[in-house]
Amino acid sequence: MVEWLKNFLYPGGTFVDVGAHIGYFTLIAADIVGPKGHVIAFEPDPRNASILTANVNSAGKDDVVNIVRAAVGAKSGTILFQSGHDYCSRIAAEGECSETIVVVQRTLNEFDLPQGTVIKVDVEGAEVNVLQGATNHLEDKKTTWIIETHGSDLEQTILTILRQYGYYPEVACACASRLCGLSPALCSSNWILISNL
């Protein structure tokens, strides 16, 4: 994954981190794009967003990183969100009520992203919703997408959507190394890369 960022991001570029968590990829991207670049980091979990903000500030990247305390999905509004004790949080499933909170949800279609933007999506099973709210960016093929999937059914659904938009996705094991020795079919989660740039 980090190698993909190094290959597709550049000084002055734009990175969108959907599911930024506490900022690991946000800060790597901020270093790559530099002071003339731009990073938009979406994180709906209040605890994670606070840690993300502290990490961005302590790294001196607050002039490059715009933190959006919101989920990303198919439509704008609010949505139930489950905050996890292990810093793994996600959109709440229908009927789920354990530790849920209401959070703001935005769509990527609301954002005007320049040619060459790299979008990373890691949203614990809500990746299809993110794509449904990003049709403008999928249609114009100006962006590179890096999407984490969990499970073969979700992966196949995402691959089908991407192919319908004319993309030719590449799937790699979640360890983000082609040298790991595992084929993507054997991994429990994988990264999907698409780029028409």
C-alpha atoms as a PDB file:
ATOM      1  CA  MET A   1       0.000   0.000   0.000  1.00  0.00           C
ATOM      2  CA  VAL A   2       2.760   2.465   0.906  1.00  0.00           C
ATOM      3  CA  GLU A   3       4.551   1.608  -2.343  1.00  0.00           C
ATOM      4  CA  TRP A   4       1.357   2.397  -4.266  1.00  0.00           C
ATOM      5  CA  LEU A   5       1.188   5.793  -2.557  1.00  0.00           C
ATOM      6  CA  LYS A   6       4.796   6.475  -3.515  1.00  0.00           C
ATOM      7  CA  ASN A   7       4.085   5.434  -7.117  1.00  0.00           C
ATOM      8  CA  PHE A   8       0.898   7.442  -7.653  1.00  0.00           C
ATOM      9  CA  LEU A   9       1.247  10.502  -5.390  1.00  0.00           C
ATOM     10  CA  TYR A  10       3.584  13.381  -6.181  1.00  0.00           C
ATOM     11  CA  PRO A  11       4.614  16.745  -4.685  1.00  0.00           C
ATOM     12  CA  GLY A  12       1.674  19.128  -4.991  1.00  0.00           C
ATOM     13  CA  GLY A  13      -0.807  16.268  -5.449  1.00  0.00           C
ATOM     14  CA  THR A  14      -4.047  15.427  -3.663  1.00  0.00           C
ATOM     15  CA  PHE A  15      -4.810  12.433  -1.463  1.00  0.00           C
ATOM     16  CA  VAL A  16      -8.227  11.517  -0.052  1.00  0.00           C
ATOM     17  CA  ASP A  17      -8.163   9.176   2.944  1.00  0.00           C
ATOM     18  CA  VAL A  18     -11.631   7.673   3.432  1.00  0.00           C
ATOM     19  CA  GLY A  19     -11.482   5.936   6.783  1.00  0.00           C
ATOM     20  CA  ALA A  20      -8.371   7.744   7.969  1.00  0.00           C
ATOM     21  CA  HIS A  21      -8.437   6.116  11.422  1.00  0.00           C
ATOM     22  CA  ILE A  22      -5.601   7.767  13.387  1.00  0.00           C
ATOM     23  CA  GLY A  23      -3.666   8.976  10.369  1.00  0.00           C
ATOM     24  CA  TYR A  24      -1.062   6.420   9.333  1.00  0.00           C
ATOM     25  CA  PHE A  25      -1.684   6.791   5.577  1.00  0.00           C
ATOM     26  CA  THR A  26      -2.745  10.430   5.976  1.00  0.00           C
ATOM     27  CA  LEU A  27       0.683  11.372   7.308  1.00  0.00           C
ATOM     28  CA  ILE A  28       2.596   9.307   4.757  1.00  0.00           C
ATOM     29  CA  ALA A  29       0.621  11.006   1.995  1.00  0.00           C
ATOM     30  CA  ALA A  30       1.150  14.444   3.560  1.00  0.00           C
ATOM     31  CA  ASP A  31       4.904  13.862   3.460  1.00  0.00           C
ATOM     32  CA  ILE A  32       4.730  12.843  -0.211  1.00  0.00           C
ATOM     33  CA  VAL A  33       2.500  15.696  -1.447  1.00  0.00           C
ATOM     34  CA  GLY A  34       4.430  18.240   0.611  1.00  0.00           C
ATOM     35  CA  PRO A  35       3.463  21.809   1.516  1.00  0.00           C
ATOM     36  CA  LYS A  36       1.922  22.521  -1.891  1.00  0.00           C
ATOM     37  CA  GLY A  37      -0.204  19.374  -1.793  1.00  0.00           C
ATOM     38  CA  HIS A  38      -3.525  18.623  -0.147  1.00  0.00           C
ATOM     39  CA  VAL A  39      -4.828  15.734   1.966  1.00  0.00           C
ATOM     40  CA  ILE A  40      -8.502  15.285   2.885  1.00  0.00           C
ATOM     41  CA  ALA A  41      -8.875  12.817   5.763  1.00  0.00           C
ATOM     42  CA  PHE A  42     -12.363  11.509   6.582  1.00  0.00           C
ATOM     43  CA  GLU A  43     -12.861   9.970  10.026  1.00  0.00           C
ATOM     44  CA  PRO A  44     -16.300   9.726  11.657  1.00  0.00           C
ATOM     45  CA  ASP A  45     -15.279   8.066  14.935  1.00  0.00           C
ATOM     46  CA  PRO A  46     -14.879  10.914  17.478  1.00  0.00           C
ATOM     47  CA  ARG A  47     -12.110   9.154  19.425  1.00  0.00           C
ATOM     48  CA  ASN A  48     -10.128   8.281  16.286  1.00  0.00           C
ATOM     49  CA  ALA A  49     -10.674  11.767  14.854  1.00  0.00           C
ATOM     50  CA  SER A  50      -9.254  13.340  18.014  1.00  0.00           C
ATOM     51  CA  ILE A  51      -6.156  11.136  17.821  1.00  0.00           C
ATOM     52  CA  LEU A  52      -5.888  11.853  14.085  1.00  0.00           C
ATOM     53  CA  THR A  53      -6.014  15.596  14.766  1.00  0.00           C
ATOM     54  CA  ALA A  54      -3.340  15.318  17.464  1.00  0.00           C
ATOM     55  CA  ASN A  55      -1.127  13.239  15.167  1.00  0.00           C
ATOM     56  CA  VAL A  56      -1.489  15.685  12.279  1.00  0.00           C
ATOM     57  CA  ASN A  57      -0.764  18.656  14.556  1.00  0.00           C
ATOM     58  CA  SER A  58       2.256  17.027  16.219  1.00  0.00           C
ATOM     59  CA  ALA A  59       3.666  16.171  12.773  1.00  0.00           C
ATOM     60  CA  GLY A  60       3.248  19.814  11.710  1.00  0.00           C
ATOM     61  CA  LYS A  61       0.980  18.851   8.795  1.00  0.00           C
ATOM     62  CA  ASP A  62      -2.131  20.850   9.729  1.00  0.00           C
ATOM     63  CA  ASP A  63      -1.502  23.200   6.792  1.00  0.00           C
ATOM     64  CA  VAL A  64      -1.658  20.255   4.353  1.00  0.00           C
ATOM     65  CA  VAL A  65      -4.298  17.997   5.964  1.00  0.00           C
ATOM     66  CA  ASN A  66      -7.989  18.875   6.109  1.00  0.00           C
ATOM     67  CA  ILE A  67      -9.731  16.583   8.613  1.00  0.00           C
ATOM     68  CA  VAL A  68     -13.421  15.979   7.895  1.00  0.00           C
ATOM     69  CA  ARG A  69     -15.198  14.424  10.875  1.00  0.00           C
ATOM     70  CA  ALA A  70     -17.706  12.494   8.804  1.00  0.00           C
ATOM     71  CA  ALA A  71     -18.429   9.122   7.286  1.00  0.00           C
ATOM     72  CA  VAL A  72     -18.447   8.800   3.499  1.00  0.00           C
ATOM     73  CA  GLY A  73     -21.298   7.009   1.798  1.00  0.00           C
ATOM     74  CA  ALA A  74     -23.923   6.941  -0.926  1.00  0.00           C
ATOM     75  CA  LYS A  75     -25.756  10.086   0.194  1.00  0.00           C
ATOM     76  CA  SER A  76     -25.239  13.080   2.456  1.00  0.00           C
ATOM     77  CA  GLY A  77     -26.992  13.317   5.796  1.00  0.00           C
ATOM     78  CA  THR A  78     -26.540  11.392   9.017  1.00  0.00           C
ATOM     79  CA  ILE A  79     -26.011   7.706   9.704  1.00  0.00           C
ATOM     80  CA  LEU A  80     -25.689   5.349  12.660  1.00  0.00           C
ATOM     81  CA  PHE A  81     -22.088   4.520  13.398  1.00  0.00           C
ATOM     82  CA  GLN A  82     -20.605   1.887  15.701  1.00  0.00           C
ATOM     83  CA  SER A  83     -17.540   2.961  17.639  1.00  0.00           C
ATOM     84  CA  GLY A  84     -15.262   0.052  18.529  1.00  0.00           C
ATOM     85  CA  HIS A  85     -13.159  -0.376  21.675  1.00  0.00           C
ATOM     86  CA  ASP A  86     -10.220  -1.645  19.608  1.00  0.00           C
ATOM     87  CA  TYR A  87     -10.184   1.451  17.386  1.00  0.00           C
ATOM     88  CA  CYS A  88     -11.969  -0.534  14.679  1.00  0.00           C
ATOM     89  CA  SER A  89     -15.231   1.273  14.013  1.00  0.00           C
ATOM     90  CA  ARG A  90     -17.743   1.111  11.194  1.00  0.00           C
ATOM     91  CA  ILE A  91     -21.165   2.042   9.871  1.00  0.00           C
ATOM     92  CA  ALA A  92     -23.689   0.214  12.041  1.00  0.00           C
ATOM     93  CA  ALA A  93     -25.607  -2.632  10.429  1.00  0.00           C
ATOM     94  CA  GLU A  94     -29.387  -2.330  10.338  1.00  0.00           C
ATOM     95  CA  GLY A  95     -30.831  -3.198  13.733  1.00  0.00           C
ATOM     96  CA  GLU A  96     -27.463  -2.954  15.459  1.00  0.00           C
ATOM     97  CA  CYS A  97     -27.651  -0.797  18.564  1.00  0.00           C
ATOM     98  CA  SER A  98     -24.544  -1.589  20.603  1.00  0.00           C
ATOM     99  CA  GLU A  99     -22.576   1.627  21.178  1.00  0.00           C
ATOM    100  CA  THR A 100     -23.963   3.400  18.124  1.00  0.00           C
ATOM    101  CA  ILE A 101     -23.808   7.135  17.616  1.00  0.00           C
ATOM    102  CA  VAL A 102     -25.196   9.404  14.920  1.00  0.00           C
ATOM    103  CA  VAL A 103     -22.533  10.903  12.654  1.00  0.00           C
ATOM    104  CA  VAL A 104     -22.539  13.170   9.627  1.00  0.00           C
ATOM    105  CA  GLN A 105     -22.180  11.406   6.281  1.00  0.00           C
ATOM    106  CA  ARG A 106     -20.809  13.052   3.135  1.00  0.00           C
ATOM    107  CA  THR A 107     -20.350  11.847  -0.438  1.00  0.00           C
ATOM    108  CA  LEU A 108     -17.197  12.166  -2.510  1.00  0.00           C
ATOM    109  CA  ASN A 109     -19.340  13.680  -5.279  1.00  0.00           C
ATOM    110  CA  GLU A 110     -19.542  16.803  -3.078  1.00  0.00           C
ATOM    111  CA  PHE A 111     -15.808  17.372  -3.519  1.00  0.00           C
ATOM    112  CA  ASP A 112     -14.144  18.747  -6.640  1.00  0.00           C
ATOM    113  CA  LEU A 113     -11.007  16.633  -6.921  1.00  0.00           C
ATOM    114  CA  PRO A 114      -8.225  17.490  -9.370  1.00  0.00           C
ATOM    115  CA  GLN A 115      -6.743  15.206 -12.013  1.00  0.00           C
ATOM    116  CA  GLY A 116      -4.378  12.702 -10.418  1.00  0.00           C
ATOM    117  CA  THR A 117      -6.079  12.538  -7.004  1.00  0.00           C
ATOM    118  CA  VAL A 118      -5.420   9.287  -5.134  1.00  0.00           C
ATOM    119  CA  ILE A 119      -8.370   8.008  -3.080  1.00  0.00           C
ATOM    120  CA  LYS A 120      -7.815   5.363  -0.380  1.00  0.00           C
ATOM    121  CA  VAL A 121     -10.930   3.639   0.980  1.00  0.00           C
ATOM    122  CA  ASP A 122     -10.856   1.483   4.119  1.00  0.00           C
ATOM    123  CA  VAL A 123     -14.297   1.595   5.687  1.00  0.00           C
ATOM    124  CA  GLU A 124     -14.821  -1.864   7.197  1.00  0.00           C
ATOM    125  CA  GLY A 125     -17.437  -3.184   4.771  1.00  0.00           C
ATOM    126  CA  ALA A 126     -19.096   0.049   3.565  1.00  0.00           C
ATOM    127  CA  GLU A 127     -16.905   0.376   0.459  1.00  0.00           C
ATOM    128  CA  VAL A 128     -19.834  -0.118  -1.943  1.00  0.00           C
ATOM    129  CA  ASN A 129     -21.660   2.817  -0.322  1.00  0.00           C
ATOM    130  CA  VAL A 130     -18.587   5.002  -0.826  1.00  0.00           C
ATOM    131  CA  LEU A 131     -18.474   4.093  -4.523  1.00  0.00           C
ATOM    132  CA  GLN A 132     -22.215   4.801  -4.891  1.00  0.00           C
ATOM    133  CA  GLY A 133     -21.579   8.338  -3.665  1.00  0.00           C
ATOM    134  CA  ALA A 134     -18.571   8.820  -5.948  1.00  0.00           C
ATOM    135  CA  THR A 135     -20.082   8.186  -9.375  1.00  0.00           C
ATOM    136  CA  ASN A 136     -18.793  11.501 -10.773  1.00  0.00           C
ATOM    137  CA  HIS A 137     -15.206  10.546  -9.952  1.00  0.00           C
ATOM    138  CA  LEU A 138     -15.628   6.993 -11.237  1.00  0.00           C
ATOM    139  CA  GLU A 139     -17.095   8.253 -14.516  1.00  0.00           C
ATOM    140  CA  ASP A 140     -14.453  10.888 -15.232  1.00  0.00           C
ATOM    141  CA  LYS A 141     -11.551   8.478 -14.555  1.00  0.00           C
ATOM    142  CA  LYS A 142      -9.286  11.253 -13.253  1.00  0.00           C
ATOM    143  CA  THR A 143      -8.525   9.482  -9.971  1.00  0.00           C
ATOM    144  CA  THR A 144      -6.571   6.491  -8.715  1.00  0.00           C
ATOM    145  CA  TRP A 145      -8.402   4.309  -6.197  1.00  0.00           C
ATOM    146  CA  ILE A 146      -6.940   2.054  -3.526  1.00  0.00           C
ATOM    147  CA  ILE A 147      -9.720   0.086  -1.802  1.00  0.00           C
ATOM    148  CA  GLU A 148      -9.432  -2.421   1.033  1.00  0.00           C
ATOM    149  CA  THR A 149     -11.940  -5.262   0.982  1.00  0.00           C
ATOM    150  CA  HIS A 150     -12.890  -7.853   3.579  1.00  0.00           C
ATOM    151  CA  GLY A 151     -14.182 -11.134   2.187  1.00  0.00           C
ATOM    152  CA  SER A 152     -14.522 -12.488  -1.311  1.00  0.00           C
ATOM    153  CA  ASP A 153     -18.194 -11.539  -1.780  1.00  0.00           C
ATOM    154  CA  LEU A 154     -17.532  -7.859  -1.089  1.00  0.00           C
ATOM    155  CA  GLU A 155     -14.413  -7.971  -3.225  1.00  0.00           C
ATOM    156  CA  GLN A 156     -16.335  -9.421  -6.171  1.00  0.00           C
ATOM    157  CA  THR A 157     -19.092  -6.806  -5.802  1.00  0.00           C
ATOM    158  CA  ILE A 158     -16.541  -3.986  -5.843  1.00  0.00           C
ATOM    159  CA  LEU A 159     -14.692  -5.490  -8.808  1.00  0.00           C
ATOM    160  CA  THR A 160     -17.994  -5.728 -10.717  1.00  0.00           C
ATOM    161  CA  ILE A 161     -18.810  -2.070 -10.005  1.00  0.00           C
ATOM    162  CA  LEU A 162     -15.344  -0.917 -11.058  1.00  0.00           C
ATOM    163  CA  ARG A 163     -15.457  -2.934 -14.277  1.00  0.00           C
ATOM    164  CA  GLN A 164     -18.866  -1.418 -15.115  1.00  0.00           C
ATOM    165  CA  TYR A 165     -17.107   1.963 -15.098  1.00  0.00           C
ATOM    166  CA  GLY A 166     -14.435   0.674 -17.473  1.00  0.00           C
ATOM    167  CA  TYR A 167     -11.651   0.109 -14.947  1.00  0.00           C
ATOM    168  CA  TYR A 168      -9.250  -2.827 -14.939  1.00  0.00           C
ATOM    169  CA  PRO A 169      -8.600  -3.397 -11.239  1.00  0.00           C
ATOM    170  CA  GLU A 170      -5.540  -5.109  -9.806  1.00  0.00           C
ATOM    171  CA  VAL A 171      -5.956  -7.170  -6.605  1.00  0.00           C
ATOM    172  CA  ALA A 172      -3.127  -7.653  -4.122  1.00  0.00           C
ATOM    173  CA  CYS A 173      -2.883  -9.385  -0.753  1.00  0.00           C
ATOM    174  CA  ALA A 174      -3.621  -7.049   2.174  1.00  0.00           C
ATOM    175  CA  CYS A 175      -0.056  -7.276   3.390  1.00  0.00           C
ATOM    176  CA  ALA A 176       0.473  -4.917   0.413  1.00  0.00           C
ATOM    177  CA  SER A 177       3.470  -6.886  -0.752  1.00  0.00           C
ATOM    178  CA  ARG A 178       3.589  -8.962  -3.859  1.00  0.00           C
ATOM    179  CA  LEU A 179       6.439 -10.772  -2.117  1.00  0.00           C
ATOM    180  CA  CYS A 180       4.306 -12.106   0.736  1.00  0.00           C
ATOM    181  CA  GLY A 181       3.882 -15.479  -0.950  1.00  0.00           C
ATOM    182  CA  LEU A 182       0.080 -15.551  -0.616  1.00  0.00           C
ATOM    183  CA  SER A 183      -2.209 -15.189  -3.565  1.00  0.00           C
ATOM    184  CA  PRO A 184      -5.051 -12.678  -3.116  1.00  0.00           C
ATOM    185  CA  ALA A 185      -7.495 -15.614  -3.141  1.00  0.00           C
ATOM    186  CA  LEU A 186      -5.980 -16.876   0.137  1.00  0.00           C
ATOM    187  CA  CYS A 187      -6.049 -13.553   2.022  1.00  0.00           C
ATOM    188  CA  SER A 188      -8.963 -12.612   4.273  1.00  0.00           C
ATOM    189  CA  SER A 189      -8.703  -8.995   3.141  1.00  0.00           C
ATOM    190  CA  ASN A 190      -7.200  -7.543  -0.012  1.00  0.00           C
ATOM    191  CA  TRP A 191      -6.382  -4.182  -1.568  1.00  0.00           C
ATOM    192  CA  ILE A 192      -7.794  -3.290  -4.965  1.00  0.00           C
ATOM    193  CA  LEU A 193      -5.927  -0.747  -7.080  1.00  0.00           C
ATOM    194  CA  ILE A 194      -7.421   1.003 -10.089  1.00  0.00           C
ATOM    195  CA  SER A 195      -5.824   3.728 -12.119  1.00  0.00           C
ATOM    196  CA  ASN A 196      -6.457   4.994 -15.627  1.00  0.00           C
ATOM    197  CA  LEU A 197      -3.863   7.734 -15.318  1.00  0.00           C
END
